[in-house]
Amino acid sequence: MLKKIRRDTIIDKSENKMHFKILKGGNTMAEQKKMVEAITSMDEDFSRWYTDVVKNANLIDYSSVRGCMIIRPYGYAIWENIQAIMDKRFKETGHENVYMPLFIPESLLQKEKDHVEGFAPEVAWVTHGGSEKLSERLCVRPTSETLFCEHYSHIIKSYRDLPKLYNQWCSVVRWEKTTRPFLRSLEFLWQEGHTMHETAREAIEETHRMLDVYASVCEEALAMPVLKGRKTEKEKFAGAVDTYTIEAMMHDGKALQSGTSHYFGDGFARAFDIQFAGRDNKLAYPPYQTSWGVSTRMIGAIIMTHGDNDGLVLPPAVAPIQVVVVPIAQHKEGVLEKAAELTQRIQKVCRVKMDDSDSTPGWKFAEYEMKGVPLRLELGPKDIANNQCVLVRRDNRQKYFVPLDELESKIPELLQELHDALFHKALENRERRTWSAATLEELKGLADAQNGFIKAMWCGSLECELALKEQAGVTSRCIPAQQEKVGEGCVCCGKPAHEMVVWGKAY
């Protein structure tokens, strides 16, 4: 399939590699339609489009281990920017970073029954050290609740030791059957917060506070609107009293769980015999615990929320390069020098790169559009003569002719406009794909027609939740904090229902 990209460039995609060929001469294809096979159209095959973008934007490479990915510098730079934004928010709310071991003894993992049963199918085990069989198997951490609890049992002795507000940046391993870059892999990068509190009220407040932090990062940094709500008993985290989630809608209408925050009550504390002397000096108080985490799947969410048929479209806050400077006719006197001068100037207000390679401007345009760079700055001899340049937005290709002495104010303005446009486009997609259903037949009809969020009442029974998955192919995404009454009874069985649930198909 051929797709238009730039008038002087075609890209030949074969064997998962991109080859750029510049079309020259008289009566050539470039002078006629100038078409290109770059990436699969998202309307033709959304899954293949996603894989094409991930590879062609140089975000990852595949490793020799099934289900594991090599995160390349550009992909890792996106994660670093997400990490920096979130880490700042965590520290502003009083959290400290720590690091726990990679391995968990089997006996330690077994201490919390529901927790170990929930993770058992995904656990990778180490059974040998060198050539010798270990006396006890070691689990490669799928999450670190048990390690934190063991540590807390050593250091929490009094109410004066609380709260403990810890966070960890690390990788975890979950032995998934089906994998996809960033969305689901055997090993992935993430952060996991683990906190202990004197009272249940404080722990519940922490659970909601950190969910709000996740939601604000998604909306203010990733330009991604999210639904906040509580998970059903079936979908909650193993060992949690309550699990809260932020759910984002991708371009194709499917949901992506983008972050979770869990309230554990005192279950883990009792299992690990964690006690502290209370304000009455009696040693009989287990602390109350929370856990919360997000992962590199947020990069997948960015791709599937904002990307288009030319590649990535990155929100400015996390884009490794916010502005790329492309000299036009750079062989002419003074062009490169002026471009370098501007690059030096504007680095005070943005992350900027100048591309002075010998590739054609069209090749450069295509490359940085594929990488999702928010703004392109074009500068040629005529621009210099007129003391101006051209700024081009990645999302809509709109051009702005900007006086050179106004760049420091215009670039931040355009970056904010681009962020706002991405957010509202994603929000419009979610609103356009959200419906209500009062009956099972109505819900099934909506789910069969296209992907999206379906609001429907639910009686709370596991049987009805499983029936909706089997008959309509949807799962419960969340019980929204803001409730609506969209019917008289449960959408599945018709019995009295007091909670509205958002249902949908998900990654």
Protein backbone atom coordinates (compact mmCIF):
# COMPACT_ATOMS: atom_id res chain seq x y z
CA MET A 1 0.00 0.00 0.00
CA LEU A 2 1.40 3.42 -0.95
CA LYS A 3 0.88 6.51 1.16
CA LYS A 4 1.84 10.13 0.61
CA ILE A 5 4.60 11.46 2.82
CA ARG A 6 6.91 14.00 1.13
CA ARG A 7 7.34 15.16 -2.41
CA ASP A 8 11.04 14.29 -2.75
CA THR A 9 11.27 11.14 -0.68
CA ILE A 10 10.09 7.57 -0.79
CA ILE A 11 10.61 5.00 1.90
CA ASP A 12 10.93 1.34 1.01
CA LYS A 13 10.03 -0.81 3.99
CA SER A 14 11.29 -4.38 3.83
CA GLU A 15 12.51 -6.87 6.39
CA ASN A 16 11.57 -4.50 9.21
CA LYS A 17 14.06 -1.86 8.04
CA MET A 18 13.50 1.56 6.50
CA HIS A 19 15.44 2.55 3.41
CA PHE A 20 15.19 6.08 2.07
CA LYS A 21 15.56 6.71 -1.66
CA ILE A 22 15.70 10.19 -3.13
CA LEU A 23 13.93 10.50 -6.42
CA LYS A 24 15.76 12.67 -8.96
CA GLY A 25 15.57 13.49 -12.62
CA GLY A 26 12.86 14.50 -15.02
CA ASN A 27 9.72 12.52 -15.57
CA THR A 28 9.94 10.48 -12.35
CA MET A 29 7.42 9.05 -9.92
CA ALA A 30 8.52 11.78 -7.47
CA GLU A 31 7.36 14.45 -9.91
CA GLN A 32 4.01 12.78 -10.31
CA LYS A 33 2.32 11.34 -7.18
CA LYS A 34 5.40 10.98 -4.93
CA MET A 35 3.88 8.23 -2.87
CA VAL A 36 5.53 6.08 -0.21
CA GLU A 37 5.06 2.84 1.62
CA ALA A 38 6.14 3.85 5.12
CA ILE A 39 3.88 2.32 7.73
CA THR A 40 0.64 0.39 7.62
CA SER A 41 -2.42 2.62 7.81
CA MET A 42 -4.04 2.48 11.25
CA ASP A 43 -7.44 2.12 9.59
CA GLU A 44 -6.22 -0.92 7.68
CA ASP A 45 -4.56 -2.77 10.59
CA PHE A 46 -4.20 -0.91 13.90
CA SER A 47 -2.05 -3.60 15.49
CA ARG A 48 0.37 -3.68 12.55
CA TRP A 49 0.41 0.13 12.47
CA TYR A 50 1.46 0.16 16.13
CA THR A 51 4.30 -2.29 15.54
CA ASP A 52 5.47 -0.36 12.48
CA VAL A 53 5.60 2.90 14.44
CA VAL A 54 7.45 1.38 17.38
CA LYS A 55 10.11 -0.06 15.08
CA ASN A 56 10.42 2.71 12.49
CA ALA A 57 10.61 5.48 15.09
CA ASN A 58 13.59 3.62 16.59
CA LEU A 59 11.94 3.15 19.97
CA ILE A 60 12.85 -0.53 20.43
CA ASP A 61 14.57 -3.51 18.95
CA TYR A 62 13.71 -7.13 19.58
CA SER A 63 16.06 -9.20 21.72
CA SER A 64 16.95 -12.88 21.49
CA VAL A 65 14.69 -13.56 24.48
CA ARG A 66 11.03 -14.00 23.53
CA GLY A 67 8.89 -11.19 24.83
CA CYS A 68 11.78 -8.97 25.89
CA MET A 69 12.61 -5.70 24.15
CA ILE A 70 15.66 -3.52 23.84
CA ILE A 71 14.60 0.05 24.54
CA ARG A 72 16.68 2.18 22.19
CA PRO A 73 17.98 5.67 23.13
CA TYR A 74 15.02 7.58 21.67
CA GLY A 75 12.49 5.33 23.39
CA TYR A 76 14.41 5.45 26.65
CA ALA A 77 14.61 9.26 26.47
CA ILE A 78 10.79 9.38 26.42
CA TRP A 79 10.73 7.17 29.52
CA GLU A 80 13.35 9.38 31.22
CA ASN A 81 11.17 12.44 30.67
CA ILE A 82 8.10 10.66 32.06
CA GLN A 83 10.19 9.45 34.98
CA ALA A 84 11.53 12.94 35.74
CA ILE A 85 8.05 14.47 35.76
CA MET A 86 6.63 11.76 38.01
CA ASP A 87 9.63 11.63 40.34
CA LYS A 88 9.29 15.36 40.95
CA ARG A 89 5.60 14.92 41.82
CA PHE A 90 6.41 12.03 44.18
CA LYS A 91 9.03 14.04 46.05
CA GLU A 92 6.70 17.03 46.27
CA THR A 93 4.26 14.73 48.13
CA GLY A 94 6.95 13.59 50.57
CA HIS A 95 8.07 10.29 49.03
CA GLU A 96 11.64 8.97 49.04
CA ASN A 97 13.25 6.61 46.55
CA VAL A 98 14.68 3.26 47.67
CA TYR A 99 15.76 0.07 45.94
CA MET A 100 14.83 -3.51 46.83
CA PRO A 101 16.49 -6.79 45.74
CA LEU A 102 15.62 -8.41 42.42
CA PHE A 103 15.04 -11.82 44.05
CA ILE A 104 12.37 -12.90 46.53
CA PRO A 105 12.68 -16.16 48.52
CA GLU A 106 9.74 -18.47 47.94
CA SER A 107 8.95 -18.59 51.67
CA LEU A 108 8.66 -14.80 51.73
CA LEU A 109 6.35 -14.72 48.73
CA GLN A 110 4.13 -17.37 50.34
CA LYS A 111 3.37 -15.23 53.39
CA GLU A 112 0.37 -13.51 51.81
CA LYS A 113 -1.89 -16.21 50.35
CA ASP A 114 -4.05 -14.13 47.98
CA HIS A 115 -0.99 -12.26 46.71
CA VAL A 116 1.02 -15.36 45.79
CA GLU A 117 -1.98 -17.06 44.18
CA GLY A 118 -2.65 -13.99 42.07
CA PHE A 119 0.88 -13.85 40.70
CA ALA A 120 1.67 -17.59 40.52
CA PRO A 121 1.01 -17.98 36.75
CA GLU A 122 3.38 -15.10 35.90
CA VAL A 123 6.30 -15.84 38.24
CA ALA A 124 9.76 -16.72 36.92
CA TRP A 125 11.82 -18.88 39.26
CA VAL A 126 15.57 -19.23 39.82
CA THR A 127 16.37 -22.79 40.85
CA HIS A 128 20.17 -22.97 40.40
CA GLY A 129 23.11 -20.81 41.38
CA GLY A 130 25.90 -21.75 39.01
CA SER A 131 25.84 -25.54 38.85
CA GLU A 132 24.33 -26.02 42.31
CA LYS A 133 20.62 -26.38 43.01
CA LEU A 134 19.37 -23.78 45.46
CA SER A 135 17.96 -24.95 48.78
CA GLU A 136 15.04 -22.55 48.24
CA ARG A 137 13.68 -21.23 44.96
CA LEU A 138 14.03 -17.52 44.30
CA CYS A 139 11.29 -15.58 42.56
CA VAL A 140 12.34 -12.88 40.09
CA ARG A 141 10.23 -10.00 41.39
CA PRO A 142 6.87 -9.52 39.66
CA THR A 143 6.20 -6.76 42.27
CA SER A 144 7.78 -5.92 45.61
CA GLU A 145 5.08 -5.86 48.32
CA THR A 146 6.65 -8.75 50.22
CA LEU A 147 10.15 -7.25 50.14
CA PHE A 148 8.88 -3.91 51.42
CA CYS A 149 6.89 -5.61 54.15
CA GLU A 150 9.91 -7.57 55.33
CA HIS A 151 11.93 -4.35 55.44
CA TYR A 152 9.16 -2.43 57.20
CA SER A 153 8.98 -5.14 59.87
CA HIS A 154 12.60 -4.30 60.73
CA ILE A 155 12.31 -0.50 60.86
CA ILE A 156 8.78 0.33 62.06
CA LYS A 157 8.65 0.20 65.87
CA SER A 158 6.61 3.22 66.90
CA TYR A 159 3.92 5.53 65.57
CA ARG A 160 6.76 8.06 65.36
CA ASP A 161 8.23 5.96 62.50
CA LEU A 162 5.11 6.54 60.41
CA PRO A 163 4.23 7.29 57.73
CA LYS A 164 6.80 5.53 55.57
CA LEU A 165 6.48 6.97 52.07
CA TYR A 166 8.76 4.97 49.76
CA ASN A 167 8.99 4.62 45.99
CA GLN A 168 11.12 2.37 43.81
CA TRP A 169 12.20 2.71 40.16
CA CYS A 170 13.11 -0.70 38.80
CA SER A 171 12.21 -3.47 36.37
CA VAL A 172 9.96 -6.46 37.04
CA VAL A 173 9.39 -9.80 35.33
CA ARG A 174 6.00 -11.34 34.56
CA TRP A 175 5.94 -14.41 32.33
CA GLU A 176 3.27 -13.31 29.88
CA LYS A 177 1.98 -15.69 27.20
CA THR A 178 1.28 -12.96 24.64
CA THR A 179 3.57 -9.96 24.37
CA ARG A 180 3.67 -6.63 22.54
CA PRO A 181 6.30 -3.87 22.86
CA PHE A 182 5.63 -1.52 25.80
CA LEU A 183 2.10 -2.87 26.34
CA ARG A 184 2.97 -6.33 27.62
CA SER A 185 6.46 -7.81 27.90
CA LEU A 186 8.23 -10.35 30.11
CA GLU A 187 10.40 -7.64 31.64
CA PHE A 188 9.39 -4.00 31.84
CA LEU A 189 10.40 -0.80 33.60
CA TRP A 190 8.16 0.77 36.17
CA GLN A 191 7.83 2.53 39.46
CA GLU A 192 6.12 1.11 42.51
CA GLY A 193 5.22 3.13 45.57
CA HIS A 194 4.83 1.31 48.89
CA THR A 195 3.68 3.24 51.94
CA MET A 196 2.76 2.49 55.56
CA HIS A 197 0.43 4.61 57.71
CA GLU A 198 -0.71 4.88 61.28
CA THR A 199 -4.43 4.87 60.44
CA ALA A 200 -6.70 3.46 57.77
CA ARG A 201 -7.94 6.98 56.97
CA GLU A 202 -4.41 8.16 56.18
CA ALA A 203 -3.74 5.13 53.97
CA ILE A 204 -7.00 5.57 52.05
CA GLU A 205 -6.20 9.25 51.53
CA GLU A 206 -2.76 8.25 50.18
CA THR A 207 -4.36 5.76 47.80
CA HIS A 208 -6.56 8.45 46.27
CA ARG A 209 -3.85 11.12 46.35
CA MET A 210 -1.48 9.00 44.25
CA LEU A 211 -4.23 8.09 41.79
CA ASP A 212 -4.79 11.82 41.36
CA VAL A 213 -1.05 12.30 40.76
CA TYR A 214 -1.17 9.70 37.98
CA ALA A 215 -4.24 11.29 36.43
CA SER A 216 -2.67 14.76 36.47
CA VAL A 217 0.53 13.49 34.85
CA CYS A 218 -1.47 11.76 32.11
CA GLU A 219 -3.55 14.84 31.38
CA GLU A 220 -1.04 17.64 32.00
CA ALA A 221 2.10 15.98 30.58
CA LEU A 222 0.88 13.24 28.21
CA ALA A 223 -2.20 15.11 26.90
CA MET A 224 -4.19 11.94 27.62
CA PRO A 225 -7.64 12.17 29.28
CA VAL A 226 -8.35 9.37 31.76
CA LEU A 227 -11.29 7.94 33.67
CA LYS A 228 -10.73 7.44 37.41
CA GLY A 229 -12.53 4.69 39.25
CA ARG A 230 -12.46 1.56 41.36
CA LYS A 231 -11.83 -1.93 40.04
CA THR A 232 -14.32 -4.74 40.66
CA GLU A 233 -13.43 -7.58 43.04
CA LYS A 234 -12.50 -9.73 40.06
CA GLU A 235 -10.15 -7.15 38.59
CA LYS A 236 -8.51 -5.80 41.75
CA PHE A 237 -4.86 -6.40 42.63
CA ALA A 238 -4.05 -9.68 44.39
CA GLY A 239 -4.15 -9.05 48.15
CA ALA A 240 -5.71 -5.57 47.97
CA VAL A 241 -8.82 -4.39 49.78
CA ASP A 242 -9.53 -1.91 46.98
CA THR A 243 -7.83 -1.14 43.66
CA TYR A 244 -8.30 2.18 41.89
CA THR A 245 -7.40 2.77 38.26
CA ILE A 246 -7.00 5.36 35.54
CA GLU A 247 -8.34 4.13 32.20
CA ALA A 248 -7.42 5.79 28.91
CA MET A 249 -9.06 5.26 25.54
CA MET A 250 -6.80 4.57 22.58
CA HIS A 251 -7.41 5.85 19.05
CA ASP A 252 -9.14 2.60 18.09
CA GLY A 253 -11.58 2.77 21.00
CA LYS A 254 -9.94 0.12 23.18
CA ALA A 255 -9.10 0.86 26.80
CA LEU A 256 -5.64 0.82 28.33
CA GLN A 257 -5.21 0.57 32.09
CA SER A 258 -2.60 3.29 32.57
CA GLY A 259 -1.96 3.23 36.31
CA THR A 260 -3.30 1.68 39.51
CA SER A 261 -3.34 2.56 43.20
CA HIS A 262 -4.14 -0.05 45.85
CA TYR A 263 -5.35 0.11 49.44
CA PHE A 264 -4.20 -3.01 51.32
CA GLY A 265 -5.67 -2.32 54.74
CA ASP A 266 -3.61 -4.17 57.35
CA GLY A 267 -3.61 -7.59 55.62
CA PHE A 268 0.04 -7.59 54.58
CA ALA A 269 1.11 -6.04 57.89
CA ARG A 270 -0.55 -8.85 59.84
CA ALA A 271 0.91 -11.53 57.54
CA PHE A 272 4.39 -10.11 58.15
CA ASP A 273 3.77 -9.44 61.86
CA ILE A 274 4.44 -5.72 61.55
CA GLN A 275 3.46 -3.94 64.77
CA PHE A 276 4.22 -0.57 66.23
CA ALA A 277 3.80 1.05 69.63
CA GLY A 278 0.81 3.36 69.44
CA ARG A 279 0.21 6.66 71.11
CA ASP A 280 -0.96 4.72 74.20
CA ASN A 281 2.43 2.88 74.29
CA LYS A 282 0.79 -0.49 73.61
CA LEU A 283 2.40 -2.78 71.00
CA ALA A 284 -0.73 -4.04 69.26
CA TYR A 285 -1.16 -1.95 66.16
CA PRO A 286 -0.54 -3.16 62.58
CA PRO A 287 0.04 -0.27 60.17
CA TYR A 288 -2.11 0.28 57.07
CA GLN A 289 -0.52 -0.08 53.65
CA THR A 290 -0.79 1.22 50.09
CA SER A 291 0.86 0.37 46.80
CA TRP A 292 0.71 2.19 43.45
CA GLY A 293 2.49 1.86 40.12
CA VAL A 294 2.79 2.74 36.46
CA SER A 295 5.09 1.34 33.80
CA THR A 296 6.59 1.82 30.36
CA ARG A 297 3.19 0.86 28.97
CA MET A 298 2.58 4.63 29.23
CA ILE A 299 4.76 4.95 26.12
CA GLY A 300 2.43 2.55 24.34
CA ALA A 301 -0.49 4.68 25.49
CA ILE A 302 1.10 7.81 24.01
CA ILE A 303 1.65 6.07 20.69
CA MET A 304 -1.90 4.70 20.44
CA THR A 305 -3.58 7.88 21.68
CA HIS A 306 -1.79 10.50 19.56
CA GLY A 307 0.00 8.74 16.69
CA ASP A 308 -1.07 9.02 13.04
CA ASN A 309 -0.26 7.42 9.73
CA ASP A 310 3.07 9.25 9.53
CA GLY A 311 4.29 7.93 12.89
CA LEU A 312 4.56 9.27 16.40
CA VAL A 313 2.99 12.49 17.62
CA LEU A 314 4.62 13.25 20.96
CA PRO A 315 3.24 15.53 23.67
CA PRO A 316 5.83 18.30 24.13
CA ALA A 317 6.40 17.60 27.83
CA VAL A 318 7.92 14.17 27.15
CA ALA A 319 9.34 14.64 23.63
CA PRO A 320 13.13 14.10 23.66
CA ILE A 321 13.37 16.75 20.93
CA GLN A 322 10.75 19.48 21.11
CA VAL A 323 12.05 21.49 18.15
CA VAL A 324 14.16 20.25 15.23
CA VAL A 325 15.98 22.90 13.23
CA VAL A 326 16.23 22.03 9.52
CA PRO A 327 18.47 24.34 7.44
CA ILE A 328 17.19 24.79 3.87
CA ALA A 329 19.80 25.15 1.10
CA GLN A 330 22.40 24.74 3.80
CA HIS A 331 25.23 24.79 1.25
CA LYS A 332 24.62 28.50 0.74
CA GLU A 333 26.67 31.00 2.64
CA GLY A 334 25.50 31.87 6.14
CA VAL A 335 22.65 29.36 6.42
CA LEU A 336 24.33 26.84 8.73
CA GLU A 337 25.86 29.58 10.84
CA LYS A 338 22.50 31.28 11.36
CA ALA A 339 20.77 27.95 12.07
CA ALA A 340 23.42 27.14 14.70
CA GLU A 341 22.98 30.58 16.27
CA LEU A 342 19.21 30.08 16.54
CA THR A 343 19.68 26.58 17.96
CA GLN A 344 21.93 27.98 20.67
CA ARG A 345 19.40 30.71 21.46
CA ILE A 346 16.23 28.67 21.71
CA GLN A 347 17.72 25.87 23.82
CA LYS A 348 16.86 28.11 26.76
CA VAL A 349 13.14 27.51 26.12
CA CYS A 350 13.01 24.02 24.57
CA ARG A 351 14.86 20.78 23.88
CA VAL A 352 16.27 21.44 20.41
CA LYS A 353 18.34 19.64 17.80
CA MET A 354 19.80 21.00 14.56
CA ASP A 355 20.08 18.51 11.70
CA ASP A 356 22.94 19.65 9.46
CA SER A 357 23.43 16.26 7.83
CA ASP A 358 23.71 16.06 4.05
CA SER A 359 20.27 14.43 3.67
CA THR A 360 17.64 16.36 1.73
CA PRO A 361 15.10 18.51 3.64
CA GLY A 362 12.33 16.12 2.55
CA TRP A 363 14.17 13.17 4.08
CA LYS A 364 14.61 15.11 7.31
CA PHE A 365 10.95 16.15 7.37
CA ALA A 366 9.86 12.51 7.05
CA GLU A 367 12.32 11.30 9.68
CA TYR A 368 11.32 13.77 12.38
CA GLU A 369 7.63 13.39 11.63
CA MET A 370 8.08 9.66 12.17
CA LYS A 371 9.75 10.45 15.50
CA GLY A 372 6.88 12.74 16.49
CA VAL A 373 8.94 15.90 17.10
CA PRO A 374 6.33 18.57 18.03
CA LEU A 375 7.79 21.51 16.08
CA ARG A 376 9.99 21.83 13.00
CA LEU A 377 11.92 25.05 12.40
CA GLU A 378 12.83 25.65 8.74
CA LEU A 379 15.43 28.30 7.91
CA GLY A 380 16.67 29.16 4.41
CA PRO A 381 18.37 32.10 2.66
CA LYS A 382 15.09 33.94 1.99
CA ASP A 383 14.03 33.48 5.60
CA ILE A 384 17.32 34.94 6.81
CA ALA A 385 16.92 37.89 4.44
CA ASN A 386 13.45 38.53 5.89
CA ASN A 387 14.63 37.97 9.49
CA GLN A 388 12.11 35.16 9.95
CA CYS A 389 11.76 31.38 9.97
CA VAL A 390 8.98 28.85 9.44
CA LEU A 391 7.62 26.81 12.36
CA VAL A 392 5.56 23.71 11.48
CA ARG A 393 3.40 21.87 14.00
CA ARG A 394 3.61 18.07 13.89
CA ASP A 395 -0.03 17.42 14.71
CA ASN A 396 -1.70 19.45 11.95
CA ARG A 397 1.22 20.61 9.73
CA GLN A 398 0.16 24.21 10.21
CA LYS A 399 2.90 26.68 9.25
CA TYR A 400 3.79 29.87 11.11
CA PHE A 401 6.09 32.57 9.74
CA VAL A 402 7.77 33.90 12.85
CA PRO A 403 10.19 36.85 13.24
CA LEU A 404 13.49 35.54 14.59
CA ASP A 405 13.45 37.88 17.57
CA GLU A 406 10.08 36.43 18.70
CA LEU A 407 11.11 32.77 18.82
CA GLU A 408 11.65 32.59 22.58
CA SER A 409 8.02 33.55 23.18
CA LYS A 410 6.41 31.88 20.16
CA ILE A 411 7.89 28.38 20.64
CA PRO A 412 6.48 27.82 24.18
CA GLU A 413 3.16 29.21 22.98
CA LEU A 414 2.97 26.77 20.07
CA LEU A 415 4.07 23.84 22.23
CA GLN A 416 1.23 24.57 24.65
CA GLU A 417 -1.25 24.92 21.79
CA LEU A 418 -0.12 21.56 20.42
CA HIS A 419 -0.52 19.90 23.84
CA ASP A 420 -4.02 21.34 24.22
CA ALA A 421 -4.98 20.23 20.72
CA LEU A 422 -3.80 16.68 21.39
CA PHE A 423 -5.72 16.52 24.66
CA HIS A 424 -8.98 17.80 23.17
CA LYS A 425 -8.69 15.50 20.16
CA ALA A 426 -8.26 12.49 22.47
CA LEU A 427 -11.12 13.69 24.67
CA GLU A 428 -13.38 14.11 21.65
CA ASN A 429 -12.52 10.56 20.56
CA ARG A 430 -13.48 9.24 24.00
CA GLU A 431 -16.74 11.18 24.14
CA ARG A 432 -17.68 10.14 20.61
CA ARG A 433 -17.05 6.48 21.49
CA THR A 434 -18.88 6.41 24.85
CA TRP A 435 -22.45 5.07 25.03
CA SER A 436 -24.99 3.83 27.57
CA ALA A 437 -26.82 0.50 27.55
CA ALA A 438 -29.86 -0.52 29.57
CA THR A 439 -30.18 -4.13 28.34
CA LEU A 440 -27.85 -6.98 27.48
CA GLU A 441 -28.93 -6.96 23.84
CA GLU A 442 -28.25 -3.24 23.62
CA LEU A 443 -24.80 -3.68 25.17
CA LYS A 444 -23.94 -6.58 22.85
CA GLY A 445 -25.05 -4.56 19.84
CA LEU A 446 -22.83 -1.64 20.82
CA ALA A 447 -19.84 -3.89 21.58
CA ASP A 448 -20.21 -5.73 18.25
CA ALA A 449 -20.49 -2.52 16.23
CA GLN A 450 -17.24 -0.85 17.32
CA ASN A 451 -14.83 -0.40 20.21
CA GLY A 452 -15.56 2.09 22.95
CA PHE A 453 -16.72 2.62 26.52
CA ILE A 454 -20.18 1.39 27.47
CA LYS A 455 -21.85 2.65 30.63
CA ALA A 456 -24.22 0.12 32.19
CA MET A 457 -25.65 -0.74 35.59
CA TRP A 458 -24.31 -3.82 37.39
CA CYS A 459 -25.69 -5.84 40.29
CA GLY A 460 -22.22 -6.61 41.65
CA SER A 461 -22.21 -10.37 40.98
CA LEU A 462 -19.22 -12.19 39.51
CA GLU A 463 -21.57 -14.32 37.42
CA CYS A 464 -22.88 -11.30 35.54
CA GLU A 465 -19.37 -9.89 35.08
CA LEU A 466 -18.17 -13.17 33.56
CA ALA A 467 -21.30 -13.45 31.42
CA LEU A 468 -20.70 -10.01 29.90
CA LYS A 469 -17.16 -11.02 28.97
CA GLU A 470 -18.34 -14.29 27.43
CA GLN A 471 -21.38 -12.94 25.59
CA ALA A 472 -20.26 -9.42 24.64
CA GLY A 473 -16.46 -9.67 24.80
CA VAL A 474 -16.16 -6.77 27.26
CA THR A 475 -14.50 -6.47 30.66
CA SER A 476 -15.18 -4.09 33.50
CA ARG A 477 -12.83 -1.13 33.15
CA CYS A 478 -13.80 0.70 36.33
CA ILE A 479 -16.60 1.78 38.64
CA PRO A 480 -16.30 5.53 38.07
CA ALA A 481 -15.98 7.91 40.99
CA GLN A 482 -18.68 10.03 39.33
CA GLN A 483 -21.70 7.75 39.17
CA GLU A 484 -24.67 7.97 36.80
CA LYS A 485 -27.90 6.03 36.68
CA VAL A 486 -28.22 4.66 33.15
CA GLY A 487 -30.88 2.03 33.73
CA GLU A 488 -33.22 0.52 36.34
CA GLY A 489 -31.51 -2.83 36.86
CA CYS A 490 -28.38 -4.84 36.11
CA VAL A 491 -27.65 -4.83 32.39
CA CYS A 492 -27.05 -8.58 32.52
CA CYS A 493 -29.62 -10.11 34.90
CA GLY A 494 -32.06 -7.24 35.47
CA LYS A 495 -31.79 -7.43 39.28
CA PRO A 496 -31.48 -4.23 41.35
CA ALA A 497 -28.19 -2.44 40.66
CA HIS A 498 -26.64 0.44 42.54
CA GLU A 499 -23.38 0.92 40.64
CA MET A 500 -22.71 2.06 37.11
CA VAL A 501 -19.70 0.36 35.50
CA VAL A 502 -17.77 1.35 32.39
CA TRP A 503 -17.27 -1.72 30.20
CA GLY A 504 -15.07 -2.12 27.15
CA LYS A 505 -12.48 -4.09 25.24
CA ALA A 506 -8.94 -3.52 26.42
CA TYR A 507 -5.25 -4.06 25.73
